[in-house]
Every structure is written in C-alpha cells, then in structure tokens.
Amino acid sequence: MMSGMKTFIEAYAKERAIPKTKAEEEVRAFLKTLKDQCVENDGVAVKGYFSLKKITKKGRTGTVNGHSYSTEDKKSLKLSIYSDLEDALQ
C-alpha cells in the first residue's frame, strides 16, 4: 500500500524524534521548495536517490469512434531513480 502524507509525516516525526506538528512543517517546507525548484529550473536531482526533470508532453490529434480530438502540449516531470533508492527497493 502506498504511504499517504499523514503516514509519511508520522514516520518522519518518529525518525527525527520530533513532534508531528514540527515534522509536518518541515515536510511541507521541503515539498514547497522542491516544487519551486522544479518550476524555476529544469528539475531537481537528489544525488543517490532520484531526479525530477521538467519535460513537455507533446499534444496529440486523432480520431476515436469517428470523433476528432486534439490535446495541447503539457508540462510534466520525469522521475528517474538513482542507485541508493534503487538498491533499497530490491
């Protein structure tokens, strides 16, 4: 099962031996900074763990069941996993 924000914050608080409210502040500050850096730069690389690279998904056009459709280009992020995290997942 995937961990949600609440479970992650609880685990972070336990790991750091800090109150959950302090853990939530730190996690939210980290996520805001991560988001801001992804927007301002071409992405973020956390050595040994992962990188998030800004990409553009090209729009598409086509026909489905006789109806034409078109989508516009969309900004997204590509996740790449590095050795430390990849090894831990094995």
Protein backbone atom coordinates (compact mmCIF):
# COMPACT_ATOMS: atom_id res chain seq x y z
CA MET A 1 0.00 0.00 0.00
CA MET A 2 1.24 3.48 -0.84
CA SER A 3 2.03 5.81 2.05
CA GLY A 4 -0.02 8.99 2.21
CA MET A 5 1.03 12.38 3.55
CA LYS A 6 -0.24 11.70 7.08
CA THR A 7 1.59 8.36 7.33
CA PHE A 8 4.74 9.87 5.85
CA ILE A 9 4.70 12.75 8.35
CA GLU A 10 4.22 10.32 11.24
CA ALA A 11 7.18 8.23 10.05
CA TYR A 12 9.30 11.36 9.59
CA ALA A 13 8.42 12.58 13.10
CA LYS A 14 9.38 9.20 14.54
CA GLU A 15 12.66 9.08 12.58
CA ARG A 16 13.63 12.59 13.73
CA ALA A 17 12.16 12.17 17.24
CA ILE A 18 10.21 15.43 16.86
CA PRO A 19 6.54 16.33 17.35
CA LYS A 20 4.22 15.62 14.42
CA THR A 21 3.43 19.34 14.05
CA LYS A 22 7.13 20.15 13.61
CA ALA A 23 7.51 17.23 11.20
CA GLU A 24 4.58 18.48 9.14
CA GLU A 25 6.13 21.98 8.93
CA GLU A 26 9.45 20.52 7.75
CA VAL A 27 7.89 18.15 5.21
CA ARG A 28 5.65 20.86 3.77
CA ALA A 29 8.60 23.29 3.57
CA PHE A 30 10.64 20.63 1.75
CA LEU A 31 7.82 19.91 -0.71
CA LYS A 32 7.25 23.63 -1.38
CA THR A 33 10.96 24.11 -2.04
CA LEU A 34 11.02 21.03 -4.30
CA LYS A 35 8.05 22.39 -6.26
CA ASP A 36 9.56 25.88 -6.53
CA GLN A 37 12.89 24.50 -7.76
CA CYS A 38 11.18 22.30 -10.35
CA VAL A 39 9.27 25.33 -11.64
CA GLU A 40 12.25 27.73 -11.63
CA ASN A 41 14.82 25.29 -13.02
CA ASP A 42 14.79 22.26 -15.31
CA GLY A 43 14.18 19.97 -12.33
CA VAL A 44 15.88 18.70 -9.18
CA ALA A 45 18.44 15.95 -8.61
CA VAL A 46 18.92 14.40 -5.17
CA LYS A 47 22.22 12.54 -5.54
CA GLY A 48 21.90 8.83 -4.89
CA TYR A 49 18.11 8.89 -4.66
CA PHE A 50 16.17 10.44 -7.55
CA SER A 51 15.84 13.24 -10.07
CA LEU A 52 12.78 15.08 -11.30
CA LYS A 53 13.30 16.54 -14.76
CA LYS A 54 10.92 19.01 -16.38
CA ILE A 55 9.59 17.68 -19.70
CA THR A 56 6.96 18.67 -22.25
CA LYS A 57 4.48 16.02 -23.30
CA LYS A 58 3.55 16.81 -26.89
CA GLY A 59 -0.12 17.29 -27.72
CA ARG A 60 -1.84 14.75 -29.91
CA THR A 61 -4.56 14.71 -32.52
CA GLY A 62 -6.55 11.81 -33.80
CA THR A 63 -9.92 10.23 -34.31
CA VAL A 64 -11.76 7.86 -31.97
CA ASN A 65 -15.09 6.33 -32.94
CA GLY A 66 -15.44 8.88 -35.71
CA HIS A 67 -14.82 11.89 -33.40
CA SER A 68 -11.73 14.02 -33.88
CA TYR A 69 -9.78 15.13 -30.83
CA SER A 70 -6.80 17.34 -30.11
CA THR A 71 -4.77 17.88 -26.95
CA GLU A 72 -2.28 20.65 -26.24
CA ASP A 73 1.33 20.31 -25.08
CA LYS A 74 1.54 19.72 -21.33
CA LYS A 75 4.36 20.34 -18.84
CA SER A 76 5.22 17.36 -16.66
CA LEU A 77 8.03 15.80 -14.63
CA LYS A 78 10.03 12.66 -15.35
CA LEU A 79 11.18 10.65 -12.32
CA SER A 80 14.50 8.79 -12.51
CA ILE A 81 15.61 6.61 -9.61
CA TYR A 82 19.29 6.50 -8.63
CA SER A 83 21.36 3.73 -7.07
CA ASP A 84 20.72 4.18 -3.32
CA LEU A 85 16.95 4.17 -3.73
CA GLU A 86 17.01 1.52 -6.45
CA ASP A 87 19.09 -0.81 -4.24
CA ALA A 88 16.72 -0.25 -1.30
CA LEU A 89 13.75 -1.21 -3.48
CA GLN A 90 15.24 -4.59 -4.46
